[in-house]
Amino acid sequence: MKFNPLPSIVLIGLAALIIPFQVGAQKAQTQIENLPNARVLTISGQVTKLLDDKFILNNGKGQVIVEAEPERGQPVSLSVGEQVTVVGNYDDQEFNALSITRGNGETIQIHDD
Protein backbone atom coordinates (compact mmCIF):
# COMPACT_ATOMS: atom_id res chain seq x y z
CA MET A 1 0.00 0.00 0.00
CA LYS A 2 1.38 3.36 -1.02
CA PHE A 3 1.09 6.42 1.27
CA ASN A 4 -0.16 9.63 -0.36
CA PRO A 5 0.77 12.68 1.80
CA LEU A 6 -1.31 15.15 -0.26
CA PRO A 7 -4.62 14.83 1.71
CA SER A 8 -2.74 15.36 5.01
CA ILE A 9 -0.94 18.42 3.67
CA VAL A 10 -4.22 19.92 2.43
CA LEU A 11 -5.93 19.40 5.82
CA ILE A 12 -3.01 20.92 7.72
CA GLY A 13 -3.00 23.91 5.35
CA LEU A 14 -6.74 24.48 5.83
CA ALA A 15 -6.41 24.25 9.61
CA ALA A 16 -3.55 26.76 9.53
CA LEU A 17 -5.79 29.21 7.65
CA ILE A 18 -8.90 28.77 9.83
CA ILE A 19 -7.43 28.73 13.36
CA PRO A 20 -5.95 32.31 13.31
CA PHE A 21 -9.32 33.73 12.26
CA GLN A 22 -11.09 32.00 15.15
CA VAL A 23 -8.51 33.12 17.73
CA GLY A 24 -8.54 36.70 16.40
CA ALA A 25 -12.34 36.82 16.54
CA GLN A 26 -12.30 35.98 20.26
CA LYS A 27 -9.98 38.89 21.12
CA ALA A 28 -11.53 41.59 18.92
CA GLN A 29 -13.31 44.43 20.64
CA THR A 30 -16.24 46.17 19.03
CA GLN A 31 -16.25 49.97 18.91
CA ILE A 32 -19.29 51.50 20.63
CA GLU A 33 -20.24 53.56 17.58
CA ASN A 34 -20.43 50.35 15.47
CA LEU A 35 -22.36 48.03 17.81
CA PRO A 36 -24.40 45.44 15.91
CA ASN A 37 -27.19 43.34 17.41
CA ALA A 38 -25.19 40.21 18.14
CA ARG A 39 -24.65 37.29 20.49
CA VAL A 40 -21.57 38.25 22.52
CA LEU A 41 -19.34 41.32 22.17
CA THR A 42 -16.57 42.93 24.21
CA ILE A 43 -16.38 46.70 24.68
CA SER A 44 -14.17 48.92 26.85
CA GLY A 45 -14.42 52.47 28.04
CA GLN A 46 -14.94 54.85 30.91
CA VAL A 47 -18.00 54.90 33.16
CA THR A 48 -19.50 58.39 32.79
CA LYS A 49 -22.81 58.07 34.67
CA LEU A 50 -24.43 55.60 37.10
CA LEU A 51 -28.17 54.80 36.83
CA ASP A 52 -29.47 52.14 39.32
CA ASP A 53 -28.68 48.82 37.56
CA LYS A 54 -27.34 50.62 34.46
CA PHE A 55 -24.43 52.88 33.60
CA ILE A 56 -23.20 54.86 30.62
CA LEU A 57 -19.94 53.68 29.04
CA ASN A 58 -17.95 56.03 26.79
CA ASN A 59 -14.91 55.04 24.71
CA GLY A 60 -14.15 58.52 23.37
CA LYS A 61 -15.94 57.87 20.06
CA GLY A 62 -19.38 56.96 21.34
CA GLN A 63 -21.38 55.97 24.38
CA VAL A 64 -23.89 53.28 25.26
CA ILE A 65 -26.18 52.44 28.17
CA VAL A 66 -25.00 49.22 29.82
CA GLU A 67 -27.53 47.19 31.81
CA ALA A 68 -25.74 45.40 34.64
CA GLU A 69 -27.58 43.53 37.40
CA PRO A 70 -25.21 41.29 39.39
CA GLU A 71 -26.13 37.70 40.22
CA ARG A 72 -27.26 38.53 43.77
CA GLY A 73 -29.40 41.48 42.69
CA GLN A 74 -27.10 44.04 44.35
CA PRO A 75 -26.25 47.22 42.44
CA VAL A 76 -22.93 47.09 40.60
CA SER A 77 -20.36 48.99 42.63
CA LEU A 78 -18.67 51.09 39.95
CA SER A 79 -17.41 54.65 40.05
CA VAL A 80 -17.73 57.46 37.55
CA GLY A 81 -14.40 57.70 35.73
CA GLU A 82 -13.58 54.01 36.17
CA GLN A 83 -12.18 52.14 33.14
CA VAL A 84 -13.93 48.81 32.51
CA THR A 85 -14.25 46.08 29.90
CA VAL A 86 -17.74 44.67 29.42
CA VAL A 87 -18.70 41.37 27.80
CA GLY A 88 -22.34 41.14 26.74
CA ASN A 89 -24.76 41.65 23.88
CA TYR A 90 -26.27 44.69 22.23
CA ASP A 91 -30.00 44.90 21.69
CA ASP A 92 -32.31 47.86 21.07
CA GLN A 93 -29.86 50.69 21.88
CA GLU A 94 -28.74 49.02 25.14
CA PHE A 95 -25.79 46.78 25.96
CA ASN A 96 -26.71 43.89 28.28
CA ALA A 97 -23.66 42.98 30.36
CA LEU A 98 -22.71 39.38 31.14
CA SER A 99 -19.51 40.35 32.95
CA ILE A 100 -17.58 43.51 33.81
CA THR A 101 -13.82 43.53 34.31
CA ARG A 102 -12.30 46.42 36.21
CA GLY A 103 -8.90 47.95 35.49
CA ASN A 104 -7.42 45.97 38.42
CA GLY A 105 -8.54 42.67 36.83
CA GLU A 106 -11.50 42.01 39.15
CA THR A 107 -14.42 40.50 37.23
CA ILE A 108 -18.05 41.00 38.24
CA GLN A 109 -20.45 38.34 36.93
CA ILE A 110 -23.81 39.72 35.86
CA HIS A 111 -27.20 38.04 36.07
CA ASP A 112 -28.55 37.22 32.60
CA ASP A 113 -32.38 37.61 32.61
C-alpha atoms as a PDB file:
ATOM      1  CA  MET A   1       0.000   0.000   0.000  1.00  0.00           C
ATOM      2  CA  LYS A   2       1.379   3.360  -1.024  1.00  0.00           C
ATOM      3  CA  PHE A   3       1.088   6.420   1.272  1.00  0.00           C
ATOM      4  CA  ASN A   4      -0.155   9.628  -0.361  1.00  0.00           C
ATOM      5  CA  PRO A   5       0.766  12.683   1.799  1.00  0.00           C
ATOM      6  CA  LEU A   6      -1.309  15.151  -0.262  1.00  0.00           C
ATOM      7  CA  PRO A   7      -4.616  14.830   1.713  1.00  0.00           C
ATOM      8  CA  SER A   8      -2.741  15.358   5.006  1.00  0.00           C
ATOM      9  CA  ILE A   9      -0.943  18.417   3.674  1.00  0.00           C
ATOM     10  CA  VAL A  10      -4.220  19.917   2.425  1.00  0.00           C
ATOM     11  CA  LEU A  11      -5.931  19.397   5.823  1.00  0.00           C
ATOM     12  CA  ILE A  12      -3.009  20.918   7.719  1.00  0.00           C
ATOM     13  CA  GLY A  13      -3.005  23.910   5.351  1.00  0.00           C
ATOM     14  CA  LEU A  14      -6.742  24.478   5.829  1.00  0.00           C
ATOM     15  CA  ALA A  15      -6.410  24.249   9.615  1.00  0.00           C
ATOM     16  CA  ALA A  16      -3.550  26.764   9.532  1.00  0.00           C
ATOM     17  CA  LEU A  17      -5.789  29.208   7.650  1.00  0.00           C
ATOM     18  CA  ILE A  18      -8.896  28.770   9.829  1.00  0.00           C
ATOM     19  CA  ILE A  19      -7.428  28.735  13.364  1.00  0.00           C
ATOM     20  CA  PRO A  20      -5.947  32.308  13.312  1.00  0.00           C
ATOM     21  CA  PHE A  21      -9.320  33.733  12.264  1.00  0.00           C
ATOM     22  CA  GLN A  22     -11.088  32.000  15.154  1.00  0.00           C
ATOM     23  CA  VAL A  23      -8.507  33.116  17.727  1.00  0.00           C
ATOM     24  CA  GLY A  24      -8.545  36.705  16.396  1.00  0.00           C
ATOM     25  CA  ALA A  25     -12.345  36.825  16.536  1.00  0.00           C
ATOM     26  CA  GLN A  26     -12.296  35.983  20.256  1.00  0.00           C
ATOM     27  CA  LYS A  27      -9.984  38.894  21.123  1.00  0.00           C
ATOM     28  CA  ALA A  28     -11.527  41.586  18.924  1.00  0.00           C
ATOM     29  CA  GLN A  29     -13.314  44.430  20.645  1.00  0.00           C
ATOM     30  CA  THR A  30     -16.239  46.174  19.026  1.00  0.00           C
ATOM     31  CA  GLN A  31     -16.250  49.967  18.914  1.00  0.00           C
ATOM     32  CA  ILE A  32     -19.286  51.503  20.628  1.00  0.00           C
ATOM     33  CA  GLU A  33     -20.237  53.559  17.582  1.00  0.00           C
ATOM     34  CA  ASN A  34     -20.427  50.352  15.472  1.00  0.00           C
ATOM     35  CA  LEU A  35     -22.355  48.028  17.807  1.00  0.00           C
ATOM     36  CA  PRO A  36     -24.396  45.435  15.911  1.00  0.00           C
ATOM     37  CA  ASN A  37     -27.187  43.344  17.413  1.00  0.00           C
ATOM     38  CA  ALA A  38     -25.187  40.207  18.139  1.00  0.00           C
ATOM     39  CA  ARG A  39     -24.651  37.294  20.487  1.00  0.00           C
ATOM     40  CA  VAL A  40     -21.571  38.247  22.519  1.00  0.00           C
ATOM     41  CA  LEU A  41     -19.344  41.319  22.165  1.00  0.00           C
ATOM     42  CA  THR A  42     -16.566  42.927  24.207  1.00  0.00           C
ATOM     43  CA  ILE A  43     -16.378  46.704  24.684  1.00  0.00           C
ATOM     44  CA  SER A  44     -14.170  48.916  26.847  1.00  0.00           C
ATOM     45  CA  GLY A  45     -14.422  52.468  28.039  1.00  0.00           C
ATOM     46  CA  GLN A  46     -14.943  54.852  30.913  1.00  0.00           C
ATOM     47  CA  VAL A  47     -18.004  54.896  33.164  1.00  0.00           C
ATOM     48  CA  THR A  48     -19.498  58.393  32.788  1.00  0.00           C
ATOM     49  CA  LYS A  49     -22.806  58.070  34.670  1.00  0.00           C
ATOM     50  CA  LEU A  50     -24.428  55.595  37.102  1.00  0.00           C
ATOM     51  CA  LEU A  51     -28.169  54.799  36.831  1.00  0.00           C
ATOM     52  CA  ASP A  52     -29.468  52.142  39.317  1.00  0.00           C
ATOM     53  CA  ASP A  53     -28.681  48.823  37.555  1.00  0.00           C
ATOM     54  CA  LYS A  54     -27.341  50.621  34.462  1.00  0.00           C
ATOM     55  CA  PHE A  55     -24.434  52.882  33.603  1.00  0.00           C
ATOM     56  CA  ILE A  56     -23.204  54.858  30.617  1.00  0.00           C
ATOM     57  CA  LEU A  57     -19.943  53.681  29.039  1.00  0.00           C
ATOM     58  CA  ASN A  58     -17.951  56.033  26.790  1.00  0.00           C
ATOM     59  CA  ASN A  59     -14.913  55.038  24.715  1.00  0.00           C
ATOM     60  CA  GLY A  60     -14.151  58.521  23.374  1.00  0.00           C
ATOM     61  CA  LYS A  61     -15.942  57.872  20.062  1.00  0.00           C
ATOM     62  CA  GLY A  62     -19.383  56.960  21.344  1.00  0.00           C
ATOM     63  CA  GLN A  63     -21.376  55.969  24.384  1.00  0.00           C
ATOM     64  CA  VAL A  64     -23.885  53.284  25.263  1.00  0.00           C
ATOM     65  CA  ILE A  65     -26.179  52.441  28.169  1.00  0.00           C
ATOM     66  CA  VAL A  66     -25.004  49.223  29.817  1.00  0.00           C
ATOM     67  CA  GLU A  67     -27.529  47.191  31.810  1.00  0.00           C
ATOM     68  CA  ALA A  68     -25.739  45.397  34.640  1.00  0.00           C
ATOM     69  CA  GLU A  69     -27.582  43.526  37.396  1.00  0.00           C
ATOM     70  CA  PRO A  70     -25.215  41.292  39.385  1.00  0.00           C
ATOM     71  CA  GLU A  71     -26.133  37.702  40.223  1.00  0.00           C
ATOM     72  CA  ARG A  72     -27.257  38.534  43.766  1.00  0.00           C
ATOM     73  CA  GLY A  73     -29.400  41.484  42.687  1.00  0.00           C
ATOM     74  CA  GLN A  74     -27.103  44.038  44.354  1.00  0.00           C
ATOM     75  CA  PRO A  75     -26.249  47.217  42.436  1.00  0.00           C
ATOM     76  CA  VAL A  76     -22.929  47.093  40.604  1.00  0.00           C
ATOM     77  CA  SER A  77     -20.357  48.987  42.635  1.00  0.00           C
ATOM     78  CA  LEU A  78     -18.673  51.091  39.947  1.00  0.00           C
ATOM     79  CA  SER A  79     -17.411  54.649  40.053  1.00  0.00           C
ATOM     80  CA  VAL A  80     -17.732  57.459  37.545  1.00  0.00           C
ATOM     81  CA  GLY A  81     -14.398  57.700  35.728  1.00  0.00           C
ATOM     82  CA  GLU A  82     -13.583  54.006  36.172  1.00  0.00           C
ATOM     83  CA  GLN A  83     -12.176  52.144  33.136  1.00  0.00           C
ATOM     84  CA  VAL A  84     -13.934  48.807  32.514  1.00  0.00           C
ATOM     85  CA  THR A  85     -14.248  46.082  29.904  1.00  0.00           C
ATOM     86  CA  VAL A  86     -17.738  44.674  29.419  1.00  0.00           C
ATOM     87  CA  VAL A  87     -18.702  41.373  27.804  1.00  0.00           C
ATOM     88  CA  GLY A  88     -22.338  41.138  26.736  1.00  0.00           C
ATOM     89  CA  ASN A  89     -24.759  41.651  23.882  1.00  0.00           C
ATOM     90  CA  TYR A  90     -26.275  44.694  22.225  1.00  0.00           C
ATOM     91  CA  ASP A  91     -30.003  44.897  21.691  1.00  0.00           C
ATOM     92  CA  ASP A  92     -32.311  47.858  21.067  1.00  0.00           C
ATOM     93  CA  GLN A  93     -29.863  50.690  21.880  1.00  0.00           C
ATOM     94  CA  GLU A  94     -28.744  49.024  25.144  1.00  0.00           C
ATOM     95  CA  PHE A  95     -25.789  46.777  25.956  1.00  0.00           C
ATOM     96  CA  ASN A  96     -26.714  43.892  28.276  1.00  0.00           C
ATOM     97  CA  ALA A  97     -23.661  42.981  30.358  1.00  0.00           C
ATOM     98  CA  LEU A  98     -22.712  39.384  31.138  1.00  0.00           C
ATOM     99  CA  SER A  99     -19.506  40.350  32.952  1.00  0.00           C
ATOM    100  CA  ILE A 100     -17.578  43.513  33.814  1.00  0.00           C
ATOM    101  CA  THR A 101     -13.815  43.534  34.314  1.00  0.00           C
ATOM    102  CA  ARG A 102     -12.295  46.419  36.212  1.00  0.00           C
ATOM    103  CA  GLY A 103      -8.904  47.946  35.494  1.00  0.00           C
ATOM    104  CA  ASN A 104      -7.421  45.970  38.423  1.00  0.00           C
ATOM    105  CA  GLY A 105      -8.543  42.668  36.833  1.00  0.00           C
ATOM    106  CA  GLU A 106     -11.496  42.009  39.153  1.00  0.00           C
ATOM    107  CA  THR A 107     -14.422  40.499  37.228  1.00  0.00           C
ATOM    108  CA  ILE A 108     -18.046  40.995  38.238  1.00  0.00           C
ATOM    109  CA  GLN A 109     -20.447  38.339  36.933  1.00  0.00           C
ATOM    110  CA  ILE A 110     -23.810  39.718  35.864  1.00  0.00           C
ATOM    111  CA  HIS A 111     -27.198  38.042  36.073  1.00  0.00           C
ATOM    112  CA  ASP A 112     -28.549  37.216  32.602  1.00  0.00           C
ATOM    113  CA  ASP A 113     -32.378  37.608  32.611  1.00  0.00           C
END
